[in-house]
Amino acid sequence: MRSSRSGRYPQLRRLRHAGGSSRHIDSSGAFAEVQKQFTDNPTTYCTSSIDPWHSAGDANATGVYQHTGFDLFFTSGITNNLPAMVPVTMLYGTPDDSAGQIAYLEKRRYPIGYIEMGEEPDGKHAMPEDYAAFYIQWATALHHVDPKLKLGGPVFEGVNEDIRLWPDAQGRTSRMGRFIDYLKSHGRISDLAFVSFEHYPFEPCTTTWKTLYTEPPLMMHILKVWRDDGVPKDVPLMVTESHLANQLSGPMTTIFGGLWLADSVGSFLSRRRCGVLPLSDPAATHMEYLPRMVFVVEFRFQRQLRHQWIHVDIFRQPHAEQ
């Protein structure tokens, strides 16, 4: 907002808005309607549930291929009546908006398992300290709604190596390490209930059958990287978005995709011989199987896994009994 003196409306301050907005704020701080001139540029609006994460071209204003609303999501049956991980915006939102979102879901009594904070801050070139500062602000707002909420992030893009940037004053270059250090130095590491990241191990259109052999070492390596960066051993690691490669959808419906996913999940769960314990199990924190790890797969892959690859009916077929 900037001050503006107009010959017609000297008492009004103009609200800067793309497209030549006619909205003004009067001396009392209230909005005032001002008739636009025929020569003014028209104001345009775009409603999209898909944010322009990486470029303006990613915005979707066509009315098709939009994300579902929370009510439809929770009542559709896709969650199988289990608590769901719910995302909130950060770099493109406000703490109050996210708090309102979660308050709405809890008022509707939709079961929430975890809350993922933001989306790919590394892809938006956000400094780890800035993301961590936002994380603390959001954590304060969300825990004001419900102190029992389990929050996590930073939802890094799918990478096979540590994500580096220029050194800080201490010479640190790891995005994950600096995020963790910021929370620790501000006494808020307890607000980190899990660490999430994406897993896209291969480049599009370069995979062959031999590529399958590389998935286990890639998965196990990146898990080690996050721990070496300082992620506490009692904080679960979660893969919350996964695929063979970005911009590659078809192979996930093939045998190739099924074999890769089995290897990916299996490698994840076998890291350092960790045990697979329900996170709701109160005994989990006292077992010798730490670090606990959870693999979260997008719902469309879960459906394929449940109905195609390991459907219980296959064990009832004659050939399976031989």
Protein backbone atom coordinates (compact mmCIF):
# COMPACT_ATOMS: atom_id res chain seq x y z
CA MET A 1 0.00 0.00 0.00
CA ARG A 2 1.29 3.48 -0.84
CA SER A 3 0.04 6.98 -0.17
CA SER A 4 -1.63 8.69 -3.09
CA ARG A 5 -3.02 12.17 -3.44
CA SER A 6 -5.75 12.57 -6.01
CA GLY A 7 -7.43 15.75 -7.09
CA ARG A 8 -10.76 13.98 -6.92
CA TYR A 9 -10.20 12.03 -3.69
CA PRO A 10 -7.56 13.75 -1.56
CA GLN A 11 -8.83 12.00 1.58
CA LEU A 12 -8.26 8.49 0.21
CA ARG A 13 -5.20 6.27 0.08
CA ARG A 14 -4.95 4.03 -2.95
CA LEU A 15 -4.52 0.29 -2.45
CA ARG A 16 -1.95 -0.99 -4.90
CA HIS A 17 -3.46 -3.82 -6.91
CA ALA A 18 -2.58 -5.43 -10.21
CA GLY A 19 -4.86 -4.46 -13.05
CA GLY A 20 -5.74 -0.97 -11.85
CA SER A 21 -7.90 -1.64 -8.83
CA SER A 22 -10.62 0.81 -7.82
CA ARG A 23 -10.38 -0.10 -4.14
CA HIS A 24 -9.26 2.61 -1.74
CA ILE A 25 -8.93 2.96 2.00
CA ASP A 26 -10.37 6.05 3.60
CA SER A 27 -8.99 7.97 6.57
CA SER A 28 -10.77 5.63 9.00
CA GLY A 29 -9.11 2.56 7.50
CA ALA A 30 -12.26 1.27 5.78
CA PHE A 31 -12.60 0.28 2.13
CA ALA A 32 -14.30 2.86 -0.05
CA GLU A 33 -15.76 2.26 -3.50
CA VAL A 34 -14.47 4.55 -6.23
CA GLN A 35 -15.97 4.61 -9.70
CA LYS A 36 -13.42 3.48 -12.28
CA GLN A 37 -12.86 5.43 -15.46
CA PHE A 38 -13.42 3.89 -18.87
CA THR A 39 -9.72 4.34 -19.56
CA ASP A 40 -8.70 2.28 -16.51
CA ASN A 41 -7.40 -1.23 -17.04
CA PRO A 42 -9.93 -3.92 -16.07
CA THR A 43 -9.28 -5.83 -12.88
CA THR A 44 -8.79 -9.55 -13.46
CA TYR A 45 -9.08 -12.40 -10.99
CA CYS A 46 -7.89 -15.98 -11.11
CA THR A 47 -9.23 -18.74 -8.89
CA SER A 48 -7.04 -21.84 -8.82
CA SER A 49 -6.46 -24.59 -6.29
CA ILE A 50 -3.07 -25.22 -7.90
CA ASP A 51 -0.47 -22.67 -6.88
CA PRO A 52 2.28 -21.55 -9.29
CA TRP A 53 5.05 -23.34 -7.37
CA HIS A 54 7.80 -22.82 -9.91
CA SER A 55 6.44 -20.52 -12.61
CA ALA A 56 3.39 -18.48 -13.50
CA GLY A 57 2.55 -21.12 -16.11
CA ASP A 58 1.81 -23.63 -13.33
CA ALA A 59 -1.31 -21.72 -12.26
CA ASN A 60 -4.49 -23.42 -13.42
CA ALA A 61 -7.47 -21.17 -14.11
CA THR A 62 -9.30 -23.51 -16.49
CA GLY A 63 -11.72 -24.97 -13.96
CA VAL A 64 -10.51 -28.53 -14.64
CA TYR A 65 -7.96 -30.71 -12.87
CA GLN A 66 -8.39 -28.81 -9.63
CA HIS A 67 -7.58 -30.25 -6.23
CA THR A 68 -10.51 -31.52 -4.22
CA GLY A 69 -11.79 -29.65 -1.19
CA PHE A 70 -11.25 -31.02 2.30
CA ASP A 71 -14.87 -32.00 2.84
CA LEU A 72 -14.95 -34.14 -0.28
CA PHE A 73 -11.55 -35.59 0.54
CA PHE A 74 -12.49 -36.69 4.05
CA THR A 75 -15.96 -37.97 3.12
CA SER A 76 -14.94 -39.78 -0.08
CA GLY A 77 -13.61 -42.88 1.67
CA ILE A 78 -10.08 -42.43 0.33
CA THR A 79 -8.69 -42.17 3.86
CA ASN A 80 -10.30 -45.49 4.88
CA ASN A 81 -11.47 -43.68 8.04
CA LEU A 82 -7.87 -43.28 9.18
CA PRO A 83 -6.21 -40.02 10.23
CA ALA A 84 -4.77 -38.19 7.23
CA MET A 85 -1.72 -36.02 6.78
CA VAL A 86 -2.94 -32.51 5.98
CA PRO A 87 -0.80 -29.82 4.31
CA VAL A 88 -0.85 -26.12 5.12
CA THR A 89 0.64 -23.32 3.04
CA MET A 90 3.55 -21.29 4.34
CA LEU A 91 5.43 -19.22 1.78
CA TYR A 92 2.13 -18.42 0.06
CA GLY A 93 -0.03 -18.20 3.18
CA THR A 94 -0.35 -16.81 6.67
CA PRO A 95 -0.38 -18.45 10.11
CA ASP A 96 -3.96 -17.31 10.68
CA ASP A 97 -5.13 -18.92 7.43
CA SER A 98 -3.54 -22.24 8.38
CA ALA A 99 -4.91 -22.07 11.91
CA GLY A 100 -8.37 -21.41 10.47
CA GLN A 101 -8.01 -24.37 8.13
CA ILE A 102 -7.14 -26.78 10.93
CA ALA A 103 -9.80 -25.34 13.24
CA TYR A 104 -12.36 -25.98 10.51
CA LEU A 105 -11.23 -29.59 10.04
CA GLU A 106 -11.30 -30.27 13.76
CA LYS A 107 -14.72 -28.65 14.11
CA ARG A 108 -15.92 -31.05 11.43
CA ARG A 109 -14.24 -33.85 13.41
CA TYR A 110 -12.11 -35.02 10.51
CA PRO A 111 -9.23 -37.14 11.87
CA ILE A 112 -5.83 -35.51 11.38
CA GLY A 113 -2.69 -37.60 11.74
CA TYR A 114 0.02 -35.10 10.85
CA ILE A 115 0.34 -31.61 9.41
CA GLU A 116 2.93 -30.94 6.72
CA MET A 117 4.22 -27.38 6.75
CA GLY A 118 4.64 -25.80 3.35
CA GLU A 119 5.88 -27.27 0.10
CA GLU A 120 9.33 -27.51 -1.46
CA PRO A 121 11.02 -24.43 0.06
CA ASP A 122 14.26 -25.42 -1.65
CA GLY A 123 12.55 -25.29 -5.04
CA LYS A 124 11.40 -21.77 -4.25
CA HIS A 125 14.98 -20.83 -3.23
CA ALA A 126 13.87 -19.91 0.28
CA MET A 127 16.70 -19.68 2.78
CA PRO A 128 16.55 -22.47 5.39
CA GLU A 129 16.58 -19.92 8.21
CA ASP A 130 13.62 -18.10 6.65
CA TYR A 131 11.67 -21.32 6.29
CA ALA A 132 12.54 -22.25 9.88
CA ALA A 133 11.40 -18.83 11.13
CA PHE A 134 8.09 -19.30 9.34
CA TYR A 135 7.87 -22.83 10.73
CA ILE A 136 8.06 -21.50 14.28
CA GLN A 137 5.40 -18.87 13.59
CA TRP A 138 3.06 -21.46 12.07
CA ALA A 139 3.75 -23.93 14.89
CA THR A 140 2.76 -21.30 17.45
CA ALA A 141 -0.48 -20.53 15.61
CA LEU A 142 -1.41 -24.17 15.00
CA HIS A 143 -0.62 -25.33 18.51
CA HIS A 144 -2.80 -22.51 19.79
CA VAL A 145 -5.64 -24.29 17.98
CA ASP A 146 -4.62 -27.73 19.20
CA PRO A 147 -1.46 -28.39 21.27
CA LYS A 148 -1.55 -32.07 20.28
CA LEU A 149 -1.01 -31.47 16.57
CA LYS A 150 2.01 -33.25 15.05
CA LEU A 151 3.83 -30.88 12.71
CA GLY A 152 6.62 -31.56 10.27
CA GLY A 153 8.57 -30.54 7.18
CA PRO A 154 10.54 -29.25 5.34
CA VAL A 155 9.13 -31.22 2.37
CA PHE A 156 12.25 -30.95 0.24
CA GLU A 157 12.13 -31.80 -3.46
CA GLY A 158 13.11 -35.28 -4.56
CA VAL A 159 16.91 -35.42 -4.49
CA ASN A 160 19.58 -38.09 -4.17
CA GLU A 161 22.15 -35.94 -2.38
CA ASP A 162 22.19 -33.29 0.32
CA ILE A 163 20.79 -29.93 -0.78
CA ARG A 164 23.52 -27.32 -0.60
CA LEU A 165 23.62 -23.53 -0.78
CA TRP A 166 26.22 -20.85 -0.14
CA PRO A 167 27.90 -20.98 3.28
CA ASP A 168 26.57 -19.00 6.23
CA ALA A 169 28.77 -17.23 8.78
CA GLN A 170 29.66 -20.61 10.33
CA GLY A 171 30.45 -22.16 6.96
CA ARG A 172 27.39 -24.41 6.98
CA THR A 173 25.97 -25.29 3.55
CA SER A 174 23.33 -27.97 4.19
CA ARG A 175 19.71 -26.81 3.90
CA MET A 176 18.47 -29.58 6.16
CA GLY A 177 21.27 -29.03 8.67
CA ARG A 178 20.67 -25.29 8.91
CA PHE A 179 16.91 -25.80 9.26
CA ILE A 180 17.45 -28.24 12.14
CA ASP A 181 20.07 -25.98 13.75
CA TYR A 182 17.70 -23.00 13.64
CA LEU A 183 14.96 -24.91 15.44
CA LYS A 184 17.44 -26.14 18.04
CA SER A 185 18.98 -22.71 18.64
CA HIS A 186 15.52 -21.21 19.16
CA GLY A 187 14.42 -23.97 21.52
CA ARG A 188 11.72 -25.23 19.16
CA ILE A 189 13.01 -28.60 17.96
CA SER A 190 10.17 -30.17 19.93
CA ASP A 191 7.79 -28.69 17.34
CA LEU A 192 9.28 -31.02 14.73
CA ALA A 193 7.30 -34.25 15.01
CA PHE A 194 8.57 -35.65 11.70
CA VAL A 195 10.84 -34.77 8.79
CA SER A 196 9.31 -35.18 5.35
CA PHE A 197 10.85 -35.18 1.90
CA GLU A 198 10.02 -36.21 -1.64
CA HIS A 199 11.66 -39.03 -3.55
CA TYR A 200 12.12 -38.78 -7.32
CA PRO A 201 15.33 -40.75 -7.86
CA PHE A 202 15.57 -40.88 -11.67
CA GLU A 203 15.61 -38.45 -14.58
CA PRO A 204 12.58 -38.55 -16.90
CA CYS A 205 12.80 -40.83 -19.94
CA THR A 206 16.17 -42.34 -18.93
CA THR A 207 15.02 -45.43 -17.02
CA THR A 208 15.74 -48.98 -18.16
CA TRP A 209 15.24 -52.32 -16.44
CA LYS A 210 18.79 -52.03 -15.07
CA THR A 211 17.76 -48.79 -13.36
CA LEU A 212 15.77 -50.83 -10.84
CA TYR A 213 19.02 -52.05 -9.26
CA THR A 214 19.97 -48.51 -8.29
CA GLU A 215 16.89 -47.73 -6.15
CA PRO A 216 17.95 -49.45 -2.89
CA PRO A 217 21.32 -47.67 -2.56
CA LEU A 218 19.77 -44.34 -3.58
CA MET A 219 17.04 -44.57 -0.96
CA MET A 220 19.33 -45.77 1.81
CA HIS A 221 21.88 -43.08 1.01
CA ILE A 222 19.47 -40.15 1.25
CA LEU A 223 18.13 -41.45 4.56
CA LYS A 224 21.68 -41.47 5.90
CA VAL A 225 22.22 -37.93 4.55
CA TRP A 226 19.28 -36.53 6.53
CA ARG A 227 20.45 -38.17 9.75
CA ASP A 228 24.01 -36.95 9.19
CA ASP A 229 22.56 -33.45 8.75
CA GLY A 230 21.34 -33.58 12.32
CA VAL A 231 17.76 -34.88 12.16
CA PRO A 232 17.25 -36.34 15.66
CA LYS A 233 17.07 -40.13 15.79
CA ASP A 234 13.70 -40.05 17.51
CA VAL A 235 12.14 -37.93 14.74
CA PRO A 236 10.56 -40.14 12.03
CA LEU A 237 11.49 -39.67 8.40
CA MET A 238 8.58 -39.64 5.95
CA VAL A 239 8.48 -39.83 2.18
CA THR A 240 5.30 -37.92 1.44
CA GLU A 241 5.58 -37.70 -2.34
CA SER A 242 7.25 -40.26 -4.52
CA HIS A 243 7.61 -41.38 -8.13
CA LEU A 244 10.17 -42.79 -10.51
CA ALA A 245 10.86 -39.30 -11.86
CA ASN A 246 9.18 -35.95 -12.10
CA GLN A 247 6.88 -35.38 -15.08
CA LEU A 248 6.57 -39.13 -15.64
CA SER A 249 3.23 -40.76 -14.83
CA GLY A 250 2.69 -43.74 -17.12
CA PRO A 251 5.27 -46.22 -15.73
CA MET A 252 3.64 -46.26 -12.29
CA THR A 253 0.78 -48.33 -13.75
CA THR A 254 3.17 -50.99 -15.12
CA ILE A 255 5.05 -53.96 -13.68
CA PHE A 256 8.20 -51.84 -13.85
CA GLY A 257 6.62 -49.27 -11.55
CA GLY A 258 5.37 -51.94 -9.18
CA LEU A 259 8.81 -53.52 -8.86
CA TRP A 260 10.41 -50.13 -8.29
CA LEU A 261 7.90 -49.18 -5.61
CA ALA A 262 8.38 -52.48 -3.79
CA ASP A 263 12.14 -51.94 -3.80
CA SER A 264 11.75 -48.33 -2.73
CA VAL A 265 9.49 -49.10 0.21
CA GLY A 266 11.52 -52.13 1.22
CA SER A 267 14.78 -50.21 1.12
CA PHE A 268 13.26 -47.44 3.18
CA LEU A 269 12.08 -49.79 5.90
CA SER A 270 15.34 -51.75 6.00
CA ARG A 271 17.53 -48.74 6.71
CA ARG A 272 19.80 -49.66 9.62
CA ARG A 273 17.58 -52.67 10.32
CA CYS A 274 14.97 -50.39 11.78
CA GLY A 275 11.77 -52.00 12.99
CA VAL A 276 8.39 -51.11 11.57
CA LEU A 277 6.27 -49.97 14.48
CA PRO A 278 3.00 -48.03 14.41
CA LEU A 279 3.65 -44.44 15.31
CA SER A 280 0.65 -44.61 17.62
CA ASP A 281 2.30 -47.41 19.60
CA PRO A 282 3.34 -45.89 22.94
CA ALA A 283 6.03 -48.52 23.29
CA ALA A 284 7.73 -47.45 20.07
CA THR A 285 9.86 -44.81 21.72
CA HIS A 286 11.25 -47.35 24.17
CA MET A 287 12.24 -50.00 21.65
CA GLU A 288 15.69 -50.59 20.19
CA TYR A 289 14.36 -50.13 16.67
CA LEU A 290 14.93 -46.39 16.45
CA PRO A 291 15.13 -44.46 14.25
CA ARG A 292 11.52 -45.13 13.37
CA MET A 293 10.64 -44.47 9.76
CA VAL A 294 7.37 -44.31 7.91
CA PHE A 295 6.80 -44.47 4.18
CA VAL A 296 3.83 -42.44 3.02
CA VAL A 297 2.77 -42.96 -0.58
CA GLU A 298 0.41 -40.79 -2.59
CA PHE A 299 -3.11 -42.13 -2.50
CA ARG A 300 -3.18 -43.17 -6.16
CA PHE A 301 -0.17 -45.40 -5.60
CA GLN A 302 -1.72 -46.81 -2.45
CA ARG A 303 -4.79 -47.76 -4.45
CA GLN A 304 -2.63 -49.54 -7.03
CA LEU A 305 -0.70 -51.29 -4.30
CA ARG A 306 -3.87 -52.35 -2.51
CA HIS A 307 -5.98 -53.42 -5.50
CA GLN A 308 -3.46 -54.61 -8.06
CA TRP A 309 -0.14 -55.71 -6.67
CA ILE A 310 -0.86 -57.30 -3.29
CA HIS A 311 -4.60 -57.82 -3.35
CA VAL A 312 -5.50 -60.44 -0.76
CA ASP A 313 -7.51 -62.39 -3.34
CA ILE A 314 -4.32 -63.57 -5.05
CA PHE A 315 -3.64 -65.80 -2.07
CA ARG A 316 -6.92 -67.57 -2.68
CA GLN A 317 -6.09 -68.55 -6.24
CA PRO A 318 -5.17 -72.22 -6.92
CA HIS A 319 -1.70 -71.37 -8.27
CA ALA A 320 -0.87 -69.54 -5.06
CA GLU A 321 -1.59 -72.60 -2.97
CA GLN A 322 0.77 -74.87 -4.88
